[in-house]
């Protein structure tokens, strides 16, 4: 599918949002995510990356602007209604029920489904075979990478149109970062469009189609991922050097 023929899954327009009325963290942010893409949002600490993804998910108040999913206005919907609308969200921390088994975690992700839970479980196990092997293990006993796999799987139980990931590599070793990003690609290849916030700019862009760079609550750069990797402005922002990230 060419870039021109891709359907727009998510369109965020002039979004202002924040935790305190009158004190916006996002200041007119615009982003677009198209079918089948992995789009990564980058930026320094305090840029508003996590606020953006939480505002889309209905977890942070939106003051103005709009969020559209497949042409439908979902601005400010409550989180459970976001799930029903087709938005999956994996938070950065506390993203599994530690005392529940892997399978119980996945079943919790299907709480809005009235039927088809067993079929979705089997589909998730086919996507992540390690979870099938570990299905009876408590999620809190798993490695960081395995817990992320559980969190991804739980969000996929409702067959979202858009999966949003908040810092999926945070706190992981380089080996586990590689594993988690392989999982992200596998999820995309299964037919799910992905919007990801990521502090590890190079690793995130390496698996992405496009990226946005946020600063001071607004997108400053947007380009293909390979172009952003070579862009000296991105290298200076992250590395303090004039070269790109490669």
Protein backbone atom coordinates (compact mmCIF):
# COMPACT_ATOMS: atom_id res chain seq x y z
CA UNK A 1 0.00 0.00 0.00
CA UNK A 2 1.48 3.35 -1.01
CA UNK A 3 1.68 6.29 1.38
CA UNK A 4 -0.96 8.12 -0.68
CA UNK A 5 -3.42 5.20 -0.43
CA UNK A 6 -3.12 4.62 3.30
CA UNK A 7 -6.27 5.28 5.32
CA UNK A 8 -5.91 7.68 8.24
CA UNK A 9 -6.47 5.80 11.48
CA UNK A 10 -5.71 8.63 13.94
CA UNK A 11 -5.78 12.38 13.42
CA UNK A 12 -4.94 14.70 16.31
CA UNK A 13 -5.65 18.35 15.50
CA UNK A 14 -4.44 21.44 17.43
CA UNK A 15 -4.70 19.52 20.71
CA UNK A 16 -4.34 21.40 23.97
CA UNK A 17 -4.34 19.24 27.08
CA UNK A 18 -2.88 19.06 30.57
CA UNK A 19 -3.51 18.20 34.18
CA UNK A 20 -4.49 21.67 35.40
CA UNK A 21 -7.06 23.93 33.69
CA UNK A 22 -5.35 26.94 32.16
CA UNK A 23 -1.92 25.27 32.24
CA UNK A 24 -1.68 23.25 29.01
CA UNK A 25 1.22 20.86 28.50
CA UNK A 26 0.23 20.21 24.90
CA UNK A 27 0.00 23.48 22.99
CA UNK A 28 -1.72 22.82 19.68
CA UNK A 29 -0.24 19.44 18.75
CA UNK A 30 -1.01 17.89 15.34
CA UNK A 31 -0.19 14.28 14.42
CA UNK A 32 -1.48 11.73 11.90
CA UNK A 33 -1.13 7.93 11.99
CA UNK A 34 -2.06 5.89 8.91
CA UNK A 35 -3.08 2.26 8.49
CA UNK A 36 -0.29 -0.23 9.06
CA UNK A 37 2.25 2.30 10.30
CA UNK A 38 4.46 2.40 13.35
CA UNK A 39 4.74 6.09 14.23
CA UNK A 40 7.06 7.11 17.05
CA UNK A 41 6.81 10.34 19.05
CA UNK A 42 10.18 11.57 20.33
CA UNK A 43 11.33 14.49 22.41
CA UNK A 44 13.31 15.55 25.48
CA UNK A 45 11.98 15.02 28.99
CA UNK A 46 9.06 17.32 29.68
CA UNK A 47 8.20 17.73 25.99
CA UNK A 48 4.68 16.37 26.48
CA UNK A 49 5.12 12.92 24.89
CA UNK A 50 3.35 10.88 27.57
CA UNK A 51 0.74 13.62 28.04
CA UNK A 52 -0.08 13.33 24.34
CA UNK A 53 -0.67 9.60 24.41
CA UNK A 54 -2.64 9.82 27.68
CA UNK A 55 -4.80 12.63 26.31
CA UNK A 56 -5.63 10.50 23.26
CA UNK A 57 -6.47 7.59 25.59
CA UNK A 58 -8.85 9.73 27.67
CA UNK A 59 -6.60 9.80 30.74
CA UNK A 60 -5.69 13.50 30.64
CA UNK A 61 -8.22 16.35 30.21
CA UNK A 62 -8.40 17.88 26.73
CA UNK A 63 -8.93 21.66 26.75
CA UNK A 64 -9.34 22.18 23.00
CA UNK A 65 -8.64 20.55 19.66
CA UNK A 66 -9.79 17.13 18.52
CA UNK A 67 -8.91 13.44 18.34
CA UNK A 68 -10.37 11.45 15.44
CA UNK A 69 -10.24 7.66 15.05
CA UNK A 70 -11.12 6.45 11.54
CA UNK A 71 -13.06 9.65 10.97
CA UNK A 72 -15.00 9.49 14.24
CA UNK A 73 -14.55 12.16 16.91
CA UNK A 74 -13.39 10.43 20.11
CA UNK A 75 -12.09 13.56 21.89
CA UNK A 76 -12.27 13.21 25.66
CA UNK A 77 -14.05 9.84 25.76
CA UNK A 78 -13.72 7.96 29.04
CA UNK A 79 -10.99 5.28 28.91
CA UNK A 80 -13.42 2.33 28.84
CA UNK A 81 -15.25 3.95 25.92
CA UNK A 82 -11.91 4.46 24.16
CA UNK A 83 -11.34 0.70 24.39
CA UNK A 84 -14.80 0.06 22.93
CA UNK A 85 -14.03 2.55 20.13
CA UNK A 86 -10.91 0.59 19.16
CA UNK A 87 -8.01 2.20 21.03
CA UNK A 88 -5.59 -0.01 22.98
CA UNK A 89 -3.15 1.56 25.44
CA UNK A 90 -0.11 0.07 27.21
CA UNK A 91 1.17 2.36 29.99
CA UNK A 92 4.85 2.69 30.83
CA UNK A 93 4.66 1.28 34.37
CA UNK A 94 2.31 -0.95 36.36
CA UNK A 95 1.05 -2.43 33.11
CA UNK A 96 0.40 -5.99 34.34
CA UNK A 97 -1.51 -7.47 37.27
CA UNK A 98 1.47 -8.94 39.07
CA UNK A 99 -0.41 -11.49 41.19
CA UNK A 100 -2.52 -12.81 38.33
CA UNK A 101 -1.29 -15.43 35.88
CA UNK A 102 -0.44 -14.56 32.30
CA UNK A 103 -3.73 -16.04 31.13
CA UNK A 104 -5.73 -14.19 33.77
CA UNK A 105 -4.06 -10.94 32.65
CA UNK A 106 -5.07 -11.61 29.06
CA UNK A 107 -8.63 -12.43 30.11
CA UNK A 108 -8.78 -9.12 31.99
CA UNK A 109 -8.01 -7.40 28.71
CA UNK A 110 -11.13 -8.96 27.20
CA UNK A 111 -13.55 -7.64 29.82
CA UNK A 112 -15.51 -5.64 27.24
CA UNK A 113 -15.95 -8.64 24.92
CA UNK A 114 -19.23 -10.52 25.03
CA UNK A 115 -17.93 -13.46 22.98
CA UNK A 116 -14.84 -14.73 21.20
CA UNK A 117 -12.52 -14.63 24.24
CA UNK A 118 -11.09 -18.12 23.68
CA UNK A 119 -10.42 -17.35 20.03
CA UNK A 120 -8.59 -14.15 20.96
CA UNK A 121 -6.56 -16.00 23.58
CA UNK A 122 -5.43 -18.51 20.99
CA UNK A 123 -4.65 -15.74 18.48
CA UNK A 124 -2.55 -13.96 21.13
CA UNK A 125 -0.69 -17.16 21.97
CA UNK A 126 0.07 -17.66 18.27
CA UNK A 127 1.46 -14.13 18.11
CA UNK A 128 3.47 -14.55 21.34
CA UNK A 129 4.30 -18.27 21.76
CA UNK A 130 6.23 -17.57 24.98
CA UNK A 131 2.97 -16.48 26.61
CA UNK A 132 1.39 -19.84 25.83
CA UNK A 133 4.30 -21.56 27.58
CA UNK A 134 4.02 -19.20 30.56
CA UNK A 135 0.22 -18.98 30.70
CA UNK A 136 -0.01 -20.31 34.27
CA UNK A 137 2.89 -18.24 35.66
CA UNK A 138 2.22 -15.13 37.78
CA UNK A 139 2.95 -12.09 35.64
CA UNK A 140 4.97 -10.49 38.44
CA UNK A 141 7.52 -13.32 38.25
CA UNK A 142 8.36 -12.69 34.59
CA UNK A 143 11.25 -10.72 33.13
CA UNK A 144 10.72 -7.12 32.06
CA UNK A 145 10.50 -8.09 28.41
CA UNK A 146 8.02 -10.86 29.14
CA UNK A 147 5.86 -8.51 31.19
CA UNK A 148 5.76 -6.11 28.25
CA UNK A 149 4.65 -9.02 26.08
CA UNK A 150 1.79 -9.70 28.53
CA UNK A 151 0.83 -6.01 28.47
CA UNK A 152 0.82 -5.98 24.66
CA UNK A 153 -1.22 -9.18 24.57
CA UNK A 154 -3.77 -7.89 27.05
CA UNK A 155 -4.31 -4.71 25.01
CA UNK A 156 -4.74 -6.80 21.85
CA UNK A 157 -7.52 -8.93 23.35
CA UNK A 158 -10.13 -6.41 22.15
CA UNK A 159 -8.69 -6.27 18.61
CA UNK A 160 -7.89 -2.54 18.65
CA UNK A 161 -7.65 -0.49 15.49
CA UNK A 162 -4.85 1.51 17.12
CA UNK A 163 -2.39 0.35 19.78
CA UNK A 164 -0.59 3.07 21.76
CA UNK A 165 2.61 2.26 23.66
CA UNK A 166 4.10 4.56 26.29
CA UNK A 167 7.89 4.10 26.56
CA UNK A 168 7.90 0.31 25.91
CA UNK A 169 11.69 0.08 26.34
CA UNK A 170 11.87 2.00 29.64
CA UNK A 171 14.12 0.32 32.21
CA UNK A 172 15.00 -2.65 30.00
CA UNK A 173 18.46 -3.98 29.16
CA UNK A 174 19.65 -3.55 25.54
CA UNK A 175 18.90 -7.24 24.85
CA UNK A 176 15.34 -6.92 26.16
CA UNK A 177 14.85 -3.65 24.26
CA UNK A 178 15.59 -5.57 21.06
CA UNK A 179 13.10 -8.28 22.03
CA UNK A 180 10.35 -5.78 22.86
CA UNK A 181 10.80 -3.90 19.59
CA UNK A 182 10.64 -7.21 17.70
CA UNK A 183 7.31 -7.75 19.47
CA UNK A 184 6.15 -4.30 18.35
CA UNK A 185 6.93 -5.18 14.74
CA UNK A 186 5.13 -8.53 15.08
CA UNK A 187 2.04 -6.73 16.39
CA UNK A 188 2.12 -4.31 13.44
CA UNK A 189 2.59 -7.20 11.02
CA UNK A 190 -0.51 -8.86 12.52
CA UNK A 191 -2.54 -5.88 11.23
CA UNK A 192 -2.51 -3.40 14.13
CA UNK A 193 -1.51 0.24 13.60
CA UNK A 194 0.86 1.53 16.30
CA UNK A 195 1.57 4.92 17.89
CA UNK A 196 4.54 4.77 20.23
CA UNK A 197 6.12 7.26 22.61
CA UNK A 198 9.78 6.41 23.08
CA UNK A 199 12.79 7.98 24.79
CA UNK A 200 15.24 5.66 23.01
CA UNK A 201 15.12 7.68 19.81
CA UNK A 202 17.46 5.57 17.68
CA UNK A 203 15.90 2.20 18.60
CA UNK A 204 12.37 3.55 18.18
CA UNK A 205 13.02 5.09 14.78
CA UNK A 206 14.81 1.97 13.52
CA UNK A 207 11.50 0.06 13.53
CA UNK A 208 9.21 2.97 12.61
CA UNK A 209 7.75 4.27 9.37
CA UNK A 210 7.55 7.90 10.49
CA UNK A 211 8.27 9.98 13.54
CA UNK A 212 7.40 13.25 15.24
CA UNK A 213 9.68 15.26 17.51
CA UNK A 214 7.88 17.16 20.27
CA UNK A 215 9.31 20.08 22.21
CA UNK A 216 7.48 22.45 24.54
CA UNK A 217 4.17 20.71 23.90
CA UNK A 218 4.11 20.95 20.12
CA UNK A 219 5.49 18.94 17.23
CA UNK A 220 8.66 20.56 15.89
CA UNK A 221 9.65 18.00 13.25
CA UNK A 222 7.81 15.32 11.26
CA UNK A 223 9.42 13.05 8.69
CA UNK A 224 10.10 9.51 7.58
CA UNK A 225 11.95 7.57 10.27
CA UNK A 226 15.05 7.06 8.13
CA UNK A 227 15.25 10.80 7.46
CA UNK A 228 14.90 11.66 11.16
CA UNK A 229 17.71 9.23 11.99
CA UNK A 230 20.02 11.28 9.76
CA UNK A 231 18.63 14.70 10.68
CA UNK A 232 21.27 16.80 12.52
CA UNK A 233 18.54 18.63 14.47
CA UNK A 234 17.47 15.33 16.04
CA UNK A 235 21.07 14.34 16.76
CA UNK A 236 21.71 17.70 18.44
CA UNK A 237 18.55 17.38 20.53
CA UNK A 238 19.45 13.91 21.81
CA UNK A 239 23.23 13.72 21.64
CA UNK A 240 24.39 17.31 21.68
CA UNK A 241 26.16 16.67 18.37
CA UNK A 242 25.69 18.09 14.90
CA UNK A 243 25.32 14.68 13.26
CA UNK A 244 22.28 12.44 13.09
CA UNK A 245 21.53 9.47 15.34
CA UNK A 246 23.24 6.94 13.04
